[in-house]
Amino acid sequence: MKPNPQLHTFLAPYDKGIQQLTLQLRDYITDLVPQANELIWDNYNAVALAYSKSEKLKDAFCHIAVYAKHVNFGFNRGAELTKTNVPLNGKGKLIRHISVKDFERFPQEELKKMIWEAVGISENLNPALTENTNPKSMVMSISAKKIRPNS
C-alpha cells in the first residue's frame, strides 16, 4: 500500500533521518500485515500512524509516533501481550512502546510474534473484523496548532 500523499508533507519538518526511519518502520509493518489500514494523525506534538484492520483507532494493534529525535513503535494493547521478546516501555493501562533511533537496531525478527499476537488481540476484541482486501492509507485529522522541529 502506498502512503497517503499527505504523509510526506506531515513529515517534512523532521530531520531526513527521522523521515527515513519513519518510512522504514511503516514499510516493516505494512509488509508484515498488508491487510491493515493506515490511520494518520498530524497531531499537536507528533505525527502518529496507527495500523488497524478496520478504519477505527479502537481496532488498531500497533502504531508509530514521530518525534524530533526518535520514533516510537508501539502496541495499542501492549500491556496485554504475553510474547514479549522485547522489553517495552510504558506504565499506562494499555499502551507499550519501544523508542527507535536507528532502523539497523530495530528488532524486526523479535517483534514479529508480538505483532501477530497484537493482531490476534485486536481481532478477538472485535470479531466483526474481516479480512481487509483493500487496505487504505488515510488521514484521520490534522491539528491546526503544532509543535514541530525547525518551526
N, C-alpha and C. Protein backbone atom coordinates (compact mmCIF):
# COMPACT_ATOMS: atom_id res chain seq x y z
N MET A 1 0.84 -1.17 0.00
CA MET A 1 0.00 0.00 0.00
C MET A 1 0.89 1.24 0.00
N LYS A 2 0.57 2.16 -0.85
CA LYS A 2 1.31 3.42 -0.89
C LYS A 2 0.81 4.32 0.23
N PRO A 3 1.71 5.12 0.81
CA PRO A 3 1.26 6.04 1.86
C PRO A 3 0.38 7.14 1.28
N ASN A 4 -0.51 7.65 2.08
CA ASN A 4 -1.28 8.82 1.69
C ASN A 4 -0.29 9.93 1.35
N PRO A 5 -0.48 10.65 0.25
CA PRO A 5 0.48 11.69 -0.15
C PRO A 5 0.73 12.75 0.93
N GLN A 6 -0.25 12.99 1.78
CA GLN A 6 -0.07 13.99 2.83
C GLN A 6 0.95 13.56 3.88
N LEU A 7 1.21 12.26 4.00
CA LEU A 7 2.18 11.81 5.00
C LEU A 7 3.53 12.47 4.78
N HIS A 8 3.98 12.57 3.55
CA HIS A 8 5.28 13.21 3.26
C HIS A 8 5.26 14.69 3.67
N THR A 9 4.14 15.35 3.50
CA THR A 9 4.00 16.75 3.92
C THR A 9 4.09 16.85 5.44
N PHE A 10 3.42 15.94 6.13
CA PHE A 10 3.45 15.94 7.60
C PHE A 10 4.85 15.69 8.14
N LEU A 11 5.63 14.87 7.43
CA LEU A 11 6.98 14.51 7.89
C LEU A 11 8.03 15.54 7.48
N ALA A 12 7.72 16.42 6.55
CA ALA A 12 8.70 17.37 6.00
C ALA A 12 9.46 18.19 7.05
N PRO A 13 8.84 18.65 8.14
CA PRO A 13 9.59 19.44 9.12
C PRO A 13 10.66 18.65 9.89
N TYR A 14 10.58 17.33 9.83
CA TYR A 14 11.51 16.49 10.59
C TYR A 14 12.82 16.31 9.83
N ASP A 15 13.86 16.03 10.57
CA ASP A 15 15.17 15.70 10.03
C ASP A 15 15.03 14.55 9.04
N LYS A 16 15.86 14.54 7.99
CA LYS A 16 15.80 13.49 6.96
C LYS A 16 15.94 12.10 7.56
N GLY A 17 16.79 11.96 8.59
CA GLY A 17 16.97 10.66 9.23
C GLY A 17 15.70 10.17 9.91
N ILE A 18 14.97 11.06 10.57
CA ILE A 18 13.70 10.70 11.22
C ILE A 18 12.66 10.36 10.16
N GLN A 19 12.63 11.12 9.07
CA GLN A 19 11.70 10.82 7.98
C GLN A 19 11.95 9.42 7.43
N GLN A 20 13.22 9.12 7.16
CA GLN A 20 13.58 7.81 6.61
C GLN A 20 13.24 6.69 7.59
N LEU A 21 13.56 6.88 8.86
CA LEU A 21 13.26 5.89 9.88
C LEU A 21 11.75 5.62 9.95
N THR A 22 10.97 6.68 9.91
CA THR A 22 9.51 6.54 9.95
C THR A 22 9.02 5.70 8.78
N LEU A 23 9.52 6.00 7.59
CA LEU A 23 9.09 5.26 6.40
C LEU A 23 9.57 3.82 6.42
N GLN A 24 10.74 3.57 7.01
CA GLN A 24 11.23 2.19 7.14
C GLN A 24 10.34 1.39 8.10
N LEU A 25 9.96 2.01 9.22
CA LEU A 25 9.08 1.34 10.17
C LEU A 25 7.70 1.11 9.54
N ARG A 26 7.24 2.08 8.79
CA ARG A 26 5.97 1.97 8.07
C ARG A 26 6.01 0.79 7.10
N ASP A 27 7.08 0.71 6.32
CA ASP A 27 7.22 -0.40 5.36
C ASP A 27 7.27 -1.75 6.08
N TYR A 28 7.95 -1.77 7.23
CA TYR A 28 8.06 -3.01 8.00
C TYR A 28 6.66 -3.52 8.38
N ILE A 29 5.82 -2.64 8.92
CA ILE A 29 4.51 -3.10 9.38
C ILE A 29 3.56 -3.36 8.21
N THR A 30 3.62 -2.54 7.16
CA THR A 30 2.70 -2.77 6.03
C THR A 30 3.11 -4.00 5.22
N ASP A 31 4.39 -4.35 5.22
CA ASP A 31 4.83 -5.59 4.57
C ASP A 31 4.42 -6.80 5.40
N LEU A 32 4.54 -6.69 6.73
CA LEU A 32 4.23 -7.80 7.62
C LEU A 32 2.72 -8.06 7.68
N VAL A 33 1.93 -7.00 7.76
CA VAL A 33 0.47 -7.11 7.87
C VAL A 33 -0.15 -6.29 6.73
N PRO A 34 -0.07 -6.79 5.49
CA PRO A 34 -0.50 -5.99 4.35
C PRO A 34 -2.00 -5.69 4.31
N GLN A 35 -2.80 -6.40 5.07
CA GLN A 35 -4.23 -6.16 5.08
C GLN A 35 -4.65 -5.05 6.05
N ALA A 36 -3.69 -4.44 6.73
CA ALA A 36 -4.00 -3.38 7.70
C ALA A 36 -4.17 -2.03 7.01
N ASN A 37 -5.14 -1.27 7.50
CA ASN A 37 -5.28 0.12 7.10
C ASN A 37 -4.28 0.95 7.88
N GLU A 38 -3.89 2.06 7.30
CA GLU A 38 -3.00 3.01 7.97
C GLU A 38 -3.82 4.26 8.28
N LEU A 39 -3.92 4.58 9.56
CA LEU A 39 -4.68 5.74 10.02
C LEU A 39 -3.67 6.79 10.47
N ILE A 40 -3.73 7.99 9.88
CA ILE A 40 -2.71 9.01 10.12
C ILE A 40 -3.31 10.22 10.82
N TRP A 41 -2.62 10.67 11.87
CA TRP A 41 -2.98 11.90 12.57
C TRP A 41 -1.78 12.84 12.54
N ASP A 42 -2.00 14.06 12.12
CA ASP A 42 -0.98 15.10 12.21
C ASP A 42 -1.32 15.89 13.47
N ASN A 43 -0.87 15.39 14.60
CA ASN A 43 -1.26 15.92 15.90
C ASN A 43 -0.41 17.11 16.33
N TYR A 44 -0.81 17.66 17.47
CA TYR A 44 -0.13 18.82 18.05
C TYR A 44 1.36 18.55 18.27
N ASN A 45 1.69 17.43 18.92
CA ASN A 45 3.07 17.19 19.31
C ASN A 45 3.78 16.07 18.55
N ALA A 46 3.09 15.40 17.63
CA ALA A 46 3.71 14.30 16.89
C ALA A 46 2.84 13.93 15.68
N VAL A 47 3.48 13.28 14.73
CA VAL A 47 2.73 12.63 13.65
C VAL A 47 2.54 11.20 14.12
N ALA A 48 1.31 10.71 14.05
CA ALA A 48 1.01 9.37 14.54
C ALA A 48 0.37 8.55 13.44
N LEU A 49 0.82 7.30 13.33
CA LEU A 49 0.26 6.35 12.36
C LEU A 49 -0.19 5.12 13.14
N ALA A 50 -1.42 4.72 12.95
CA ALA A 50 -1.93 3.52 13.61
C ALA A 50 -2.31 2.51 12.55
N TYR A 51 -2.21 1.24 12.89
CA TYR A 51 -2.49 0.16 11.94
C TYR A 51 -3.63 -0.70 12.48
N SER A 52 -4.67 -0.84 11.66
CA SER A 52 -5.91 -1.47 12.07
C SER A 52 -6.54 -2.18 10.89
N LYS A 53 -7.22 -3.28 11.16
CA LYS A 53 -7.95 -3.96 10.09
C LYS A 53 -9.29 -3.30 9.81
N SER A 54 -9.64 -2.30 10.60
CA SER A 54 -10.83 -1.50 10.34
C SER A 54 -10.37 -0.07 10.10
N GLU A 55 -11.30 0.84 10.05
CA GLU A 55 -10.96 2.26 9.91
C GLU A 55 -11.11 2.97 11.24
N LYS A 56 -10.99 2.22 12.34
CA LYS A 56 -11.18 2.78 13.68
C LYS A 56 -9.94 2.57 14.54
N LEU A 57 -9.59 3.61 15.29
CA LEU A 57 -8.45 3.54 16.19
C LEU A 57 -8.64 2.45 17.24
N LYS A 58 -9.86 2.24 17.70
CA LYS A 58 -10.08 1.24 18.75
C LYS A 58 -9.69 -0.18 18.31
N ASP A 59 -9.61 -0.40 17.00
CA ASP A 59 -9.22 -1.72 16.49
C ASP A 59 -7.75 -1.81 16.13
N ALA A 60 -7.00 -0.73 16.36
CA ALA A 60 -5.58 -0.71 15.98
C ALA A 60 -4.78 -1.65 16.87
N PHE A 61 -3.80 -2.31 16.26
CA PHE A 61 -2.95 -3.23 17.01
C PHE A 61 -1.57 -2.65 17.26
N CYS A 62 -1.10 -1.74 16.42
CA CYS A 62 0.19 -1.09 16.68
C CYS A 62 0.19 0.31 16.09
N HIS A 63 1.23 1.06 16.45
CA HIS A 63 1.30 2.44 15.99
C HIS A 63 2.75 2.91 15.90
N ILE A 64 2.93 4.01 15.20
CA ILE A 64 4.21 4.70 15.08
C ILE A 64 3.96 6.14 15.47
N ALA A 65 4.79 6.68 16.35
CA ALA A 65 4.68 8.08 16.75
C ALA A 65 6.02 8.76 16.46
N VAL A 66 5.96 9.85 15.70
CA VAL A 66 7.16 10.52 15.21
C VAL A 66 7.45 11.76 16.05
N TYR A 67 8.66 11.80 16.60
CA TYR A 67 9.12 12.94 17.39
C TYR A 67 10.40 13.49 16.78
N ALA A 68 10.90 14.58 17.30
CA ALA A 68 12.06 15.26 16.71
C ALA A 68 13.33 14.41 16.70
N LYS A 69 13.57 13.63 17.76
CA LYS A 69 14.83 12.92 17.86
C LYS A 69 14.71 11.39 17.84
N HIS A 70 13.48 10.89 17.81
CA HIS A 70 13.27 9.45 17.77
C HIS A 70 11.86 9.15 17.27
N VAL A 71 11.60 7.88 17.05
CA VAL A 71 10.28 7.41 16.65
C VAL A 71 9.89 6.28 17.60
N ASN A 72 8.68 6.32 18.10
CA ASN A 72 8.20 5.22 18.94
C ASN A 72 7.44 4.23 18.07
N PHE A 73 7.73 2.95 18.29
CA PHE A 73 6.96 1.87 17.68
C PHE A 73 6.22 1.22 18.83
N GLY A 74 4.90 1.28 18.78
CA GLY A 74 4.16 0.83 19.94
C GLY A 74 3.02 -0.12 19.65
N PHE A 75 2.52 -0.69 20.73
CA PHE A 75 1.39 -1.60 20.69
C PHE A 75 0.24 -0.98 21.47
N ASN A 76 -0.91 -0.89 20.84
CA ASN A 76 -2.06 -0.23 21.46
C ASN A 76 -2.57 -0.98 22.68
N ARG A 77 -2.35 -2.27 22.73
CA ARG A 77 -2.73 -3.07 23.90
C ARG A 77 -1.50 -3.85 24.37
N GLY A 78 -0.38 -3.17 24.39
CA GLY A 78 0.89 -3.81 24.73
C GLY A 78 0.95 -4.42 26.12
N ALA A 79 0.19 -3.87 27.05
CA ALA A 79 0.18 -4.41 28.41
C ALA A 79 -0.42 -5.82 28.44
N GLU A 80 -1.17 -6.19 27.40
CA GLU A 80 -1.82 -7.49 27.35
C GLU A 80 -0.98 -8.55 26.61
N LEU A 81 0.13 -8.14 26.02
CA LEU A 81 0.96 -9.09 25.28
C LEU A 81 1.63 -10.08 26.22
N THR A 82 1.70 -11.34 25.80
CA THR A 82 2.38 -12.36 26.59
C THR A 82 3.70 -12.78 25.95
N LYS A 83 3.82 -12.57 24.64
CA LYS A 83 5.03 -12.97 23.92
C LYS A 83 5.99 -11.79 23.81
N THR A 84 6.36 -11.24 24.96
CA THR A 84 7.19 -10.04 24.98
C THR A 84 8.66 -10.40 24.92
N ASN A 85 9.14 -10.65 23.70
CA ASN A 85 10.55 -10.95 23.48
C ASN A 85 11.42 -9.70 23.60
N VAL A 86 10.81 -8.55 23.47
CA VAL A 86 11.50 -7.27 23.51
C VAL A 86 10.90 -6.48 24.68
N PRO A 87 11.74 -5.95 25.56
CA PRO A 87 11.21 -5.14 26.67
C PRO A 87 10.51 -3.89 26.12
N LEU A 88 9.30 -3.64 26.63
CA LEU A 88 8.52 -2.50 26.19
C LEU A 88 8.46 -1.44 27.28
N ASN A 89 8.40 -0.19 26.88
CA ASN A 89 8.30 0.94 27.81
C ASN A 89 6.84 1.36 27.94
N GLY A 90 6.53 1.94 29.08
CA GLY A 90 5.19 2.45 29.32
C GLY A 90 4.62 1.91 30.61
N LYS A 91 3.91 2.77 31.32
CA LYS A 91 3.33 2.37 32.60
C LYS A 91 1.83 2.59 32.63
N GLY A 92 1.27 2.98 31.48
CA GLY A 92 -0.17 3.22 31.41
C GLY A 92 -0.95 1.93 31.45
N LYS A 93 -2.24 2.06 31.33
CA LYS A 93 -3.15 0.92 31.41
C LYS A 93 -2.96 -0.06 30.24
N LEU A 94 -2.69 0.45 29.02
CA LEU A 94 -2.63 -0.44 27.86
C LEU A 94 -1.41 -0.28 26.96
N ILE A 95 -1.08 0.93 26.60
CA ILE A 95 -0.07 1.17 25.55
C ILE A 95 1.34 0.91 26.05
N ARG A 96 2.12 0.24 25.18
CA ARG A 96 3.54 0.00 25.42
C ARG A 96 4.28 0.29 24.12
N HIS A 97 5.57 0.65 24.23
CA HIS A 97 6.32 1.00 23.03
C HIS A 97 7.82 0.77 23.23
N ILE A 98 8.53 0.85 22.11
CA ILE A 98 9.98 0.94 22.16
C ILE A 98 10.35 2.23 21.43
N SER A 99 11.40 2.85 21.87
CA SER A 99 11.92 4.06 21.23
C SER A 99 12.96 3.62 20.20
N VAL A 100 12.83 4.11 18.97
CA VAL A 100 13.71 3.70 17.89
C VAL A 100 14.46 4.92 17.36
N LYS A 101 15.77 4.79 17.28
CA LYS A 101 16.59 5.88 16.73
C LYS A 101 17.31 5.45 15.46
N ASP A 102 17.35 4.14 15.22
CA ASP A 102 18.12 3.61 14.10
C ASP A 102 17.47 2.31 13.64
N PHE A 103 17.08 2.23 12.37
CA PHE A 103 16.40 1.03 11.88
C PHE A 103 17.30 -0.20 11.93
N GLU A 104 18.60 0.00 11.81
CA GLU A 104 19.53 -1.14 11.85
C GLU A 104 19.46 -1.86 13.20
N ARG A 105 19.09 -1.15 14.25
CA ARG A 105 18.98 -1.75 15.60
C ARG A 105 17.55 -2.12 15.97
N PHE A 106 16.63 -1.88 15.06
CA PHE A 106 15.23 -2.21 15.31
C PHE A 106 15.07 -3.73 15.30
N PRO A 107 14.53 -4.32 16.37
CA PRO A 107 14.47 -5.78 16.50
C PRO A 107 13.34 -6.41 15.67
N GLN A 108 13.51 -6.40 14.37
CA GLN A 108 12.46 -6.85 13.44
C GLN A 108 11.98 -8.27 13.72
N GLU A 109 12.91 -9.20 13.76
CA GLU A 109 12.54 -10.61 13.96
C GLU A 109 11.87 -10.84 15.31
N GLU A 110 12.43 -10.23 16.34
CA GLU A 110 11.92 -10.42 17.70
C GLU A 110 10.51 -9.87 17.86
N LEU A 111 10.16 -8.82 17.10
CA LEU A 111 8.86 -8.20 17.24
C LEU A 111 7.75 -8.90 16.46
N LYS A 112 8.09 -9.75 15.52
CA LYS A 112 7.06 -10.38 14.68
C LYS A 112 6.02 -11.14 15.49
N LYS A 113 6.45 -11.98 16.44
CA LYS A 113 5.49 -12.73 17.25
C LYS A 113 4.61 -11.79 18.07
N MET A 114 5.22 -10.71 18.56
CA MET A 114 4.46 -9.74 19.35
C MET A 114 3.42 -9.04 18.48
N ILE A 115 3.79 -8.71 17.26
CA ILE A 115 2.85 -8.05 16.35
C ILE A 115 1.68 -8.97 16.02
N TRP A 116 1.99 -10.23 15.71
CA TRP A 116 0.90 -11.16 15.38
C TRP A 116 0.01 -11.43 16.59
N GLU A 117 0.59 -11.43 17.79
CA GLU A 117 -0.25 -11.57 18.98
C GLU A 117 -1.14 -10.34 19.12
N ALA A 118 -0.58 -9.14 18.86
CA ALA A 118 -1.36 -7.90 18.94
C ALA A 118 -2.51 -7.90 17.92
N VAL A 119 -2.24 -8.40 16.72
CA VAL A 119 -3.30 -8.52 15.71
C VAL A 119 -4.40 -9.45 16.24
N GLY A 120 -4.01 -10.56 16.84
CA GLY A 120 -4.98 -11.51 17.40
C GLY A 120 -5.81 -10.90 18.51
N ILE A 121 -5.19 -10.11 19.38
CA ILE A 121 -5.92 -9.44 20.45
C ILE A 121 -6.98 -8.51 19.85
N SER A 122 -6.57 -7.75 18.85
CA SER A 122 -7.50 -6.83 18.18
C SER A 122 -8.67 -7.59 17.55
N GLU A 123 -8.37 -8.68 16.88
CA GLU A 123 -9.42 -9.48 16.24
C GLU A 123 -10.35 -10.12 17.28
N ASN A 124 -9.80 -10.54 18.41
CA ASN A 124 -10.63 -11.13 19.46
C ASN A 124 -11.55 -10.10 20.09
N LEU A 125 -11.10 -8.86 20.19
CA LEU A 125 -11.93 -7.80 20.76
C LEU A 125 -13.05 -7.38 19.82
N ASN A 126 -12.82 -7.54 18.54
CA ASN A 126 -13.83 -7.18 17.55
C ASN A 126 -13.97 -8.32 16.54
N PRO A 127 -14.77 -9.34 16.86
CA PRO A 127 -14.93 -10.48 15.97
C PRO A 127 -15.50 -10.11 14.60
N ALA A 128 -16.07 -8.91 14.47
CA ALA A 128 -16.62 -8.47 13.19
C ALA A 128 -15.53 -8.09 12.18
N LEU A 129 -14.28 -7.97 12.66
CA LEU A 129 -13.20 -7.65 11.73
C LEU A 129 -13.06 -8.77 10.72
N THR A 130 -13.06 -8.40 9.47
CA THR A 130 -12.92 -9.40 8.42
C THR A 130 -11.61 -9.16 7.70
N GLU A 131 -11.28 -10.05 6.83
CA GLU A 131 -10.05 -9.90 6.04
C GLU A 131 -10.20 -8.65 5.18
N ASN A 132 -9.33 -7.71 5.38
CA ASN A 132 -9.36 -6.44 4.64
C ASN A 132 -8.62 -6.63 3.32
N THR A 133 -9.37 -6.66 2.22
CA THR A 133 -8.75 -6.91 0.92
C THR A 133 -8.38 -5.62 0.18
N ASN A 134 -8.76 -4.48 0.75
CA ASN A 134 -8.46 -3.21 0.10
C ASN A 134 -7.92 -2.21 1.14
N PRO A 135 -6.71 -2.45 1.67
CA PRO A 135 -6.18 -1.56 2.70
C PRO A 135 -5.96 -0.15 2.16
N LYS A 136 -6.16 0.83 3.06
CA LYS A 136 -6.03 2.23 2.69
C LYS A 136 -5.12 2.96 3.66
N SER A 137 -4.50 4.00 3.16
CA SER A 137 -3.74 4.92 4.00
C SER A 137 -4.55 6.21 4.03
N MET A 138 -5.07 6.56 5.21
CA MET A 138 -5.99 7.69 5.29
C MET A 138 -5.65 8.65 6.43
N VAL A 139 -5.85 9.92 6.16
CA VAL A 139 -5.63 10.96 7.17
C VAL A 139 -6.90 11.06 8.00
N MET A 140 -6.74 10.94 9.31
CA MET A 140 -7.87 10.98 10.22
C MET A 140 -8.13 12.40 10.73
N SER A 141 -7.05 13.14 11.02
CA SER A 141 -7.21 14.53 11.45
C SER A 141 -5.89 15.28 11.32
N ILE A 142 -6.02 16.58 11.22
CA ILE A 142 -4.87 17.47 11.15
C ILE A 142 -5.09 18.55 12.20
N SER A 143 -4.18 18.61 13.14
CA SER A 143 -4.26 19.62 14.20
C SER A 143 -3.85 20.98 13.64
N ALA A 144 -4.64 22.01 13.94
CA ALA A 144 -4.33 23.35 13.44
C ALA A 144 -3.06 23.89 14.09
N LYS A 145 -2.88 23.58 15.35
CA LYS A 145 -1.73 24.07 16.10
C LYS A 145 -0.75 22.93 16.28
N LYS A 146 0.54 23.18 16.01
CA LYS A 146 1.54 22.12 16.11
C LYS A 146 2.84 22.63 16.68
N ILE A 147 3.55 21.73 17.36
CA ILE A 147 4.95 21.99 17.67
C ILE A 147 5.72 20.98 16.85
N ARG A 148 6.65 21.47 16.08
CA ARG A 148 7.45 20.63 15.20
C ARG A 148 8.90 21.09 15.24
N PRO A 149 9.81 20.19 14.88
CA PRO A 149 11.20 20.60 14.78
C PRO A 149 11.33 21.67 13.67
N ASN A 150 12.32 22.49 13.80
CA ASN A 150 12.62 23.54 12.79
C ASN A 150 11.49 24.54 12.60
N SER A 151 10.58 24.67 13.57
CA SER A 151 9.49 25.63 13.37
C SER A 151 9.66 26.85 14.23
